[in-house]
Amino acid sequence: MKKYIMLFLLSSLISLMCSGETFRFKTNSYDEARQNNTYFKFIGESTKLGFITTDFEGYVREGEITYEKAANLDEIKDVVLKFKVKDIDTNISARDEKLQNECLDHKKYPEMTIRILSITLNVLSQEVPAEMSVRGQKIPLRISIIKTDARVYQGKSSFKLSDTLIPDPSISVATIKDKFELEFQINQAQ
């Protein structure tokens, strides 16, 4: 009986030291996602006919962020952003279809995640290691995080398509730059 009481007390203490949290965001359209206080986006560059270069953005319309609060309350651990590939919206349906079906193969790999092991809460800026899971592959990232307000965090990173299993989406009249940017803002006051 003493073993069970000790086990119960130990598990209660551990659950008090670390508590899991989930933060969800949802928008209904590209424009709404673009204007939302919480967002996650990919930024790419396309060159058409060899000389007209434009940027394009893909916003995640719906996703969730889970994390564990550390006992000292100065950091959060195991931060995971998870979203469905079908929720990436570039505001051009033909591009979305190619991205979701051919590039990211949403039927075989329906979700993408970005995992950060730890974020220190009481610093204005930091760079943290992270890992993006896409098409069954784990891609290492370095994310620069800035605390802009008591409850607002912004992050930036980049990756190269050539370092992933994502097929090059270029077509004969338009080439896509190898480097993609990732940006996010989390507004917990929402």
C-alpha atoms as a PDB file:
ATOM      1  CA  MET A   1       0.000   0.000   0.000  1.00  0.00           C
ATOM      2  CA  LYS A   2       2.890   2.367   0.809  1.00  0.00           C
ATOM      3  CA  LYS A   3       4.272   1.809  -2.690  1.00  0.00           C
ATOM      4  CA  TYR A   4       0.970   2.859  -4.265  1.00  0.00           C
ATOM      5  CA  ILE A   5       0.721   5.971  -2.094  1.00  0.00           C
ATOM      6  CA  MET A   6       4.304   6.938  -2.929  1.00  0.00           C
ATOM      7  CA  LEU A   7       3.678   6.305  -6.637  1.00  0.00           C
ATOM      8  CA  PHE A   8       0.512   8.443  -6.504  1.00  0.00           C
ATOM      9  CA  LEU A   9       2.318  11.275  -4.685  1.00  0.00           C
ATOM     10  CA  LEU A  10       5.243  11.136  -7.111  1.00  0.00           C
ATOM     11  CA  SER A  11       2.990  11.236 -10.191  1.00  0.00           C
ATOM     12  CA  SER A  12       0.972  14.109  -8.673  1.00  0.00           C
ATOM     13  CA  LEU A  13       4.172  16.057  -8.016  1.00  0.00           C
ATOM     14  CA  ILE A  14       5.395  15.499 -11.591  1.00  0.00           C
ATOM     15  CA  SER A  15       2.072  16.646 -13.046  1.00  0.00           C
ATOM     16  CA  LEU A  16       2.226  19.800 -10.921  1.00  0.00           C
ATOM     17  CA  MET A  17       5.790  20.505 -12.078  1.00  0.00           C
ATOM     18  CA  CYS A  18       4.931  20.262 -15.789  1.00  0.00           C
ATOM     19  CA  SER A  19       1.524  21.007 -17.217  1.00  0.00           C
ATOM     20  CA  GLY A  20       0.613  20.590 -20.847  1.00  0.00           C
ATOM     21  CA  GLU A  21      -1.033  23.400 -22.764  1.00  0.00           C
ATOM     22  CA  THR A  22      -2.657  23.571 -26.191  1.00  0.00           C
ATOM     23  CA  PHE A  23      -3.148  26.757 -28.181  1.00  0.00           C
ATOM     24  CA  ARG A  24      -5.307  26.501 -31.321  1.00  0.00           C
ATOM     25  CA  PHE A  25      -5.720  28.969 -34.155  1.00  0.00           C
ATOM     26  CA  LYS A  26      -8.187  28.898 -37.037  1.00  0.00           C
ATOM     27  CA  THR A  27      -9.058  31.144 -39.940  1.00  0.00           C
ATOM     28  CA  ASN A  28     -11.383  30.563 -42.873  1.00  0.00           C
ATOM     29  CA  SER A  29      -9.412  32.086 -45.742  1.00  0.00           C
ATOM     30  CA  TYR A  30      -6.028  33.274 -46.965  1.00  0.00           C
ATOM     31  CA  ASP A  31      -6.954  36.917 -46.329  1.00  0.00           C
ATOM     32  CA  GLU A  32      -8.169  36.175 -42.815  1.00  0.00           C
ATOM     33  CA  ALA A  33      -5.012  34.163 -42.045  1.00  0.00           C
ATOM     34  CA  ARG A  34      -2.869  37.005 -43.397  1.00  0.00           C
ATOM     35  CA  GLN A  35      -4.538  39.514 -41.065  1.00  0.00           C
ATOM     36  CA  ASN A  36      -4.701  37.281 -37.990  1.00  0.00           C
ATOM     37  CA  ASN A  37      -2.635  38.087 -34.877  1.00  0.00           C
ATOM     38  CA  THR A  38      -1.473  34.467 -34.771  1.00  0.00           C
ATOM     39  CA  TYR A  39      -0.113  33.106 -38.029  1.00  0.00           C
ATOM     40  CA  PHE A  40       2.339  30.690 -39.586  1.00  0.00           C
ATOM     41  CA  LYS A  41       3.532  31.195 -43.148  1.00  0.00           C
ATOM     42  CA  PHE A  42       5.976  29.968 -45.772  1.00  0.00           C
ATOM     43  CA  ILE A  43       7.539  32.515 -48.145  1.00  0.00           C
ATOM     44  CA  GLY A  44       8.975  31.513 -51.502  1.00  0.00           C
ATOM     45  CA  GLU A  45      10.252  33.275 -54.593  1.00  0.00           C
ATOM     46  CA  SER A  46       9.292  32.571 -58.184  1.00  0.00           C
ATOM     47  CA  THR A  47      11.004  33.797 -61.363  1.00  0.00           C
ATOM     48  CA  LYS A  48       8.823  33.823 -64.456  1.00  0.00           C
ATOM     49  CA  LEU A  49      10.290  33.800 -67.958  1.00  0.00           C
ATOM     50  CA  GLY A  50      13.757  34.189 -66.474  1.00  0.00           C
ATOM     51  CA  PHE A  51      13.428  37.833 -65.404  1.00  0.00           C
ATOM     52  CA  ILE A  52      10.195  38.623 -63.480  1.00  0.00           C
ATOM     53  CA  THR A  53      10.725  37.722 -59.809  1.00  0.00           C
ATOM     54  CA  THR A  54       7.910  37.756 -57.271  1.00  0.00           C
ATOM     55  CA  ASP A  55       7.420  36.487 -53.730  1.00  0.00           C
ATOM     56  CA  PHE A  56       4.523  34.251 -52.751  1.00  0.00           C
ATOM     57  CA  GLU A  57       3.227  33.338 -49.306  1.00  0.00           C
ATOM     58  CA  GLY A  58       1.438  30.285 -48.014  1.00  0.00           C
ATOM     59  CA  TYR A  59      -0.467  30.678 -44.741  1.00  0.00           C
ATOM     60  CA  VAL A  60      -1.580  27.876 -42.465  1.00  0.00           C
ATOM     61  CA  ARG A  61      -5.305  28.472 -41.937  1.00  0.00           C
ATOM     62  CA  GLU A  62      -5.669  26.143 -38.952  1.00  0.00           C
ATOM     63  CA  GLY A  63      -3.267  24.501 -36.537  1.00  0.00           C
ATOM     64  CA  GLU A  64      -2.357  23.878 -32.948  1.00  0.00           C
ATOM     65  CA  ILE A  65       0.603  24.514 -30.725  1.00  0.00           C
ATOM     66  CA  THR A  66       1.225  22.243 -27.766  1.00  0.00           C
ATOM     67  CA  TYR A  67       3.857  22.726 -25.085  1.00  0.00           C
ATOM     68  CA  GLU A  68       4.819  21.826 -21.551  1.00  0.00           C
ATOM     69  CA  LYS A  69       5.299  24.493 -18.916  1.00  0.00           C
ATOM     70  CA  ALA A  70       8.478  23.891 -16.948  1.00  0.00           C
ATOM     71  CA  ALA A  71       8.373  23.914 -13.147  1.00  0.00           C
ATOM     72  CA  ASN A  72      10.429  27.114 -12.967  1.00  0.00           C
ATOM     73  CA  LEU A  73       7.929  28.943 -15.282  1.00  0.00           C
ATOM     74  CA  ASP A  74      10.877  30.557 -17.119  1.00  0.00           C
ATOM     75  CA  GLU A  75      10.662  28.214 -20.085  1.00  0.00           C
ATOM     76  CA  ILE A  76       8.350  26.050 -22.087  1.00  0.00           C
ATOM     77  CA  LYS A  77       9.463  22.680 -23.399  1.00  0.00           C
ATOM     78  CA  ASP A  78       8.553  20.372 -26.230  1.00  0.00           C
ATOM     79  CA  VAL A  79       6.812  23.073 -28.275  1.00  0.00           C
ATOM     80  CA  VAL A  80       5.063  21.491 -31.277  1.00  0.00           C
ATOM     81  CA  LEU A  81       3.281  23.330 -34.070  1.00  0.00           C
ATOM     82  CA  LYS A  82       1.093  20.845 -35.952  1.00  0.00           C
ATOM     83  CA  PHE A  83      -1.109  21.464 -38.972  1.00  0.00           C
ATOM     84  CA  LYS A  84      -2.662  19.630 -41.881  1.00  0.00           C
ATOM     85  CA  VAL A  85      -1.024  20.061 -45.291  1.00  0.00           C
ATOM     86  CA  LYS A  86      -4.504  20.770 -46.732  1.00  0.00           C
ATOM     87  CA  ASP A  87      -4.643  23.890 -44.507  1.00  0.00           C
ATOM     88  CA  ILE A  88      -1.765  25.621 -46.347  1.00  0.00           C
ATOM     89  CA  ASP A  89      -3.280  28.380 -48.512  1.00  0.00           C
ATOM     90  CA  THR A  90      -1.330  30.476 -51.074  1.00  0.00           C
ATOM     91  CA  ASN A  91      -4.453  32.260 -52.372  1.00  0.00           C
ATOM     92  CA  ILE A  92      -4.058  30.596 -55.796  1.00  0.00           C
ATOM     93  CA  SER A  93      -5.998  27.334 -56.043  1.00  0.00           C
ATOM     94  CA  ALA A  94      -3.816  25.803 -58.802  1.00  0.00           C
ATOM     95  CA  ARG A  95      -0.659  26.459 -56.722  1.00  0.00           C
ATOM     96  CA  ASP A  96      -2.368  25.057 -53.592  1.00  0.00           C
ATOM     97  CA  GLU A  97      -3.368  21.910 -55.451  1.00  0.00           C
ATOM     98  CA  LYS A  98       0.172  21.318 -56.760  1.00  0.00           C
ATOM     99  CA  LEU A  99       1.704  22.098 -53.360  1.00  0.00           C
ATOM    100  CA  GLN A 100      -0.667  19.828 -51.434  1.00  0.00           C
ATOM    101  CA  ASN A 101      -0.847  16.947 -53.923  1.00  0.00           C
ATOM    102  CA  GLU A 102       2.505  16.785 -55.695  1.00  0.00           C
ATOM    103  CA  CYS A 103       5.011  18.569 -53.458  1.00  0.00           C
ATOM    104  CA  LEU A 104       3.791  17.633 -49.984  1.00  0.00           C
ATOM    105  CA  ASP A 105       1.752  14.510 -50.911  1.00  0.00           C
ATOM    106  CA  HIS A 106      -1.026  15.188 -48.381  1.00  0.00           C
ATOM    107  CA  LYS A 107      -2.611  11.762 -48.898  1.00  0.00           C
ATOM    108  CA  LYS A 108       0.507   9.942 -47.702  1.00  0.00           C
ATOM    109  CA  TYR A 109       1.738  12.678 -45.317  1.00  0.00           C
ATOM    110  CA  PRO A 110      -1.357  14.592 -44.121  1.00  0.00           C
ATOM    111  CA  GLU A 111       0.398  16.593 -41.365  1.00  0.00           C
ATOM    112  CA  MET A 112       3.480  18.709 -40.914  1.00  0.00           C
ATOM    113  CA  THR A 113       5.056  19.568 -37.577  1.00  0.00           C
ATOM    114  CA  ILE A 114       7.714  21.873 -36.262  1.00  0.00           C
ATOM    115  CA  ARG A 115       9.182  20.888 -32.887  1.00  0.00           C
ATOM    116  CA  ILE A 116      11.240  23.126 -30.608  1.00  0.00           C
ATOM    117  CA  LEU A 117      12.788  21.487 -27.542  1.00  0.00           C
ATOM    118  CA  SER A 118      12.803  24.582 -25.332  1.00  0.00           C
ATOM    119  CA  ILE A 119      12.016  28.318 -25.387  1.00  0.00           C
ATOM    120  CA  THR A 120      13.183  30.627 -22.607  1.00  0.00           C
ATOM    121  CA  LEU A 121      10.326  33.001 -21.795  1.00  0.00           C
ATOM    122  CA  ASN A 122      12.091  35.903 -20.076  1.00  0.00           C
ATOM    123  CA  VAL A 123      14.454  36.934 -22.886  1.00  0.00           C
ATOM    124  CA  LEU A 124      13.743  39.358 -25.716  1.00  0.00           C
ATOM    125  CA  SER A 125      15.490  37.342 -28.436  1.00  0.00           C
ATOM    126  CA  GLN A 126      16.989  33.896 -28.811  1.00  0.00           C
ATOM    127  CA  GLU A 127      17.929  31.346 -31.415  1.00  0.00           C
ATOM    128  CA  VAL A 128      16.742  27.805 -30.792  1.00  0.00           C
ATOM    129  CA  PRO A 129      17.241  24.473 -32.550  1.00  0.00           C
ATOM    130  CA  ALA A 130      14.102  22.980 -34.073  1.00  0.00           C
ATOM    131  CA  GLU A 131      13.010  20.194 -36.365  1.00  0.00           C
ATOM    132  CA  MET A 132      10.460  20.301 -39.174  1.00  0.00           C
ATOM    133  CA  SER A 133       8.757  17.036 -40.156  1.00  0.00           C
ATOM    134  CA  VAL A 134       7.654  17.054 -43.787  1.00  0.00           C
ATOM    135  CA  ARG A 135       6.995  14.107 -46.136  1.00  0.00           C
ATOM    136  CA  GLY A 136       8.241  11.698 -43.466  1.00  0.00           C
ATOM    137  CA  GLN A 137      11.595  13.474 -43.215  1.00  0.00           C
ATOM    138  CA  LYS A 138      12.944  15.464 -40.259  1.00  0.00           C
ATOM    139  CA  ILE A 139      14.676  18.690 -41.305  1.00  0.00           C
ATOM    140  CA  PRO A 140      16.863  20.503 -38.724  1.00  0.00           C
ATOM    141  CA  LEU A 141      16.174  24.231 -38.372  1.00  0.00           C
ATOM    142  CA  ARG A 142      17.492  27.195 -36.382  1.00  0.00           C
ATOM    143  CA  ILE A 143      14.651  29.513 -35.386  1.00  0.00           C
ATOM    144  CA  SER A 144      15.206  33.099 -34.281  1.00  0.00           C
ATOM    145  CA  ILE A 145      12.514  34.046 -31.766  1.00  0.00           C
ATOM    146  CA  ILE A 146      11.731  37.590 -30.635  1.00  0.00           C
ATOM    147  CA  LYS A 147       9.429  38.453 -27.751  1.00  0.00           C
ATOM    148  CA  THR A 148       7.630  41.603 -28.921  1.00  0.00           C
ATOM    149  CA  ASP A 149       5.142  41.833 -26.055  1.00  0.00           C
ATOM    150  CA  ALA A 150       4.358  40.018 -22.818  1.00  0.00           C
ATOM    151  CA  ARG A 151       2.328  37.424 -24.733  1.00  0.00           C
ATOM    152  CA  VAL A 152       3.492  37.833 -28.362  1.00  0.00           C
ATOM    153  CA  TYR A 153       6.348  35.854 -29.934  1.00  0.00           C
ATOM    154  CA  GLN A 154       7.625  36.084 -33.511  1.00  0.00           C
ATOM    155  CA  GLY A 155       9.874  33.547 -35.166  1.00  0.00           C
ATOM    156  CA  LYS A 156      11.851  33.200 -38.395  1.00  0.00           C
ATOM    157  CA  SER A 157      13.793  30.433 -40.046  1.00  0.00           C
ATOM    158  CA  SER A 158      14.600  29.094 -43.496  1.00  0.00           C
ATOM    159  CA  PHE A 159      15.263  25.832 -45.296  1.00  0.00           C
ATOM    160  CA  LYS A 160      16.278  24.697 -48.768  1.00  0.00           C
ATOM    161  CA  LEU A 161      14.065  22.500 -50.910  1.00  0.00           C
ATOM    162  CA  SER A 162      17.193  20.691 -52.071  1.00  0.00           C
ATOM    163  CA  ASP A 163      17.780  19.553 -48.458  1.00  0.00           C
ATOM    164  CA  THR A 164      14.355  17.890 -48.328  1.00  0.00           C
ATOM    165  CA  LEU A 165      12.396  15.197 -50.130  1.00  0.00           C
ATOM    166  CA  ILE A 166      10.010  17.877 -51.446  1.00  0.00           C
ATOM    167  CA  PRO A 167      10.044  17.762 -55.266  1.00  0.00           C
ATOM    168  CA  ASP A 168      10.988  21.003 -57.029  1.00  0.00           C
ATOM    169  CA  PRO A 169       7.677  22.681 -57.993  1.00  0.00           C
ATOM    170  CA  SER A 170       9.234  24.671 -60.855  1.00  0.00           C
ATOM    171  CA  ILE A 171       7.595  24.551 -64.285  1.00  0.00           C
ATOM    172  CA  SER A 172       8.972  25.484 -67.703  1.00  0.00           C
ATOM    173  CA  VAL A 173       7.947  29.161 -67.496  1.00  0.00           C
ATOM    174  CA  ALA A 174       8.526  29.670 -63.753  1.00  0.00           C
ATOM    175  CA  THR A 175      11.320  28.507 -61.482  1.00  0.00           C
ATOM    176  CA  ILE A 176      11.065  28.401 -57.696  1.00  0.00           C
ATOM    177  CA  LYS A 177      14.028  29.564 -55.628  1.00  0.00           C
ATOM    178  CA  ASP A 178      15.587  26.788 -53.531  1.00  0.00           C
ATOM    179  CA  LYS A 179      15.408  28.735 -50.247  1.00  0.00           C
ATOM    180  CA  PHE A 180      12.084  29.089 -48.391  1.00  0.00           C
ATOM    181  CA  GLU A 181      11.477  31.310 -45.372  1.00  0.00           C
ATOM    182  CA  LEU A 182       9.274  30.378 -42.421  1.00  0.00           C
ATOM    183  CA  GLU A 183       7.687  33.045 -40.238  1.00  0.00           C
ATOM    184  CA  PHE A 184       5.246  32.858 -37.378  1.00  0.00           C
ATOM    185  CA  GLN A 185       3.633  34.989 -34.740  1.00  0.00           C
ATOM    186  CA  ILE A 186       1.918  33.619 -31.675  1.00  0.00           C
ATOM    187  CA  ASN A 187      -0.345  36.011 -29.818  1.00  0.00           C
ATOM    188  CA  GLN A 188      -1.472  34.290 -26.627  1.00  0.00           C
ATOM    189  CA  ALA A 189      -3.699  37.257 -25.746  1.00  0.00           C
ATOM    190  CA  GLN A 190      -6.082  36.289 -28.570  1.00  0.00           C
END
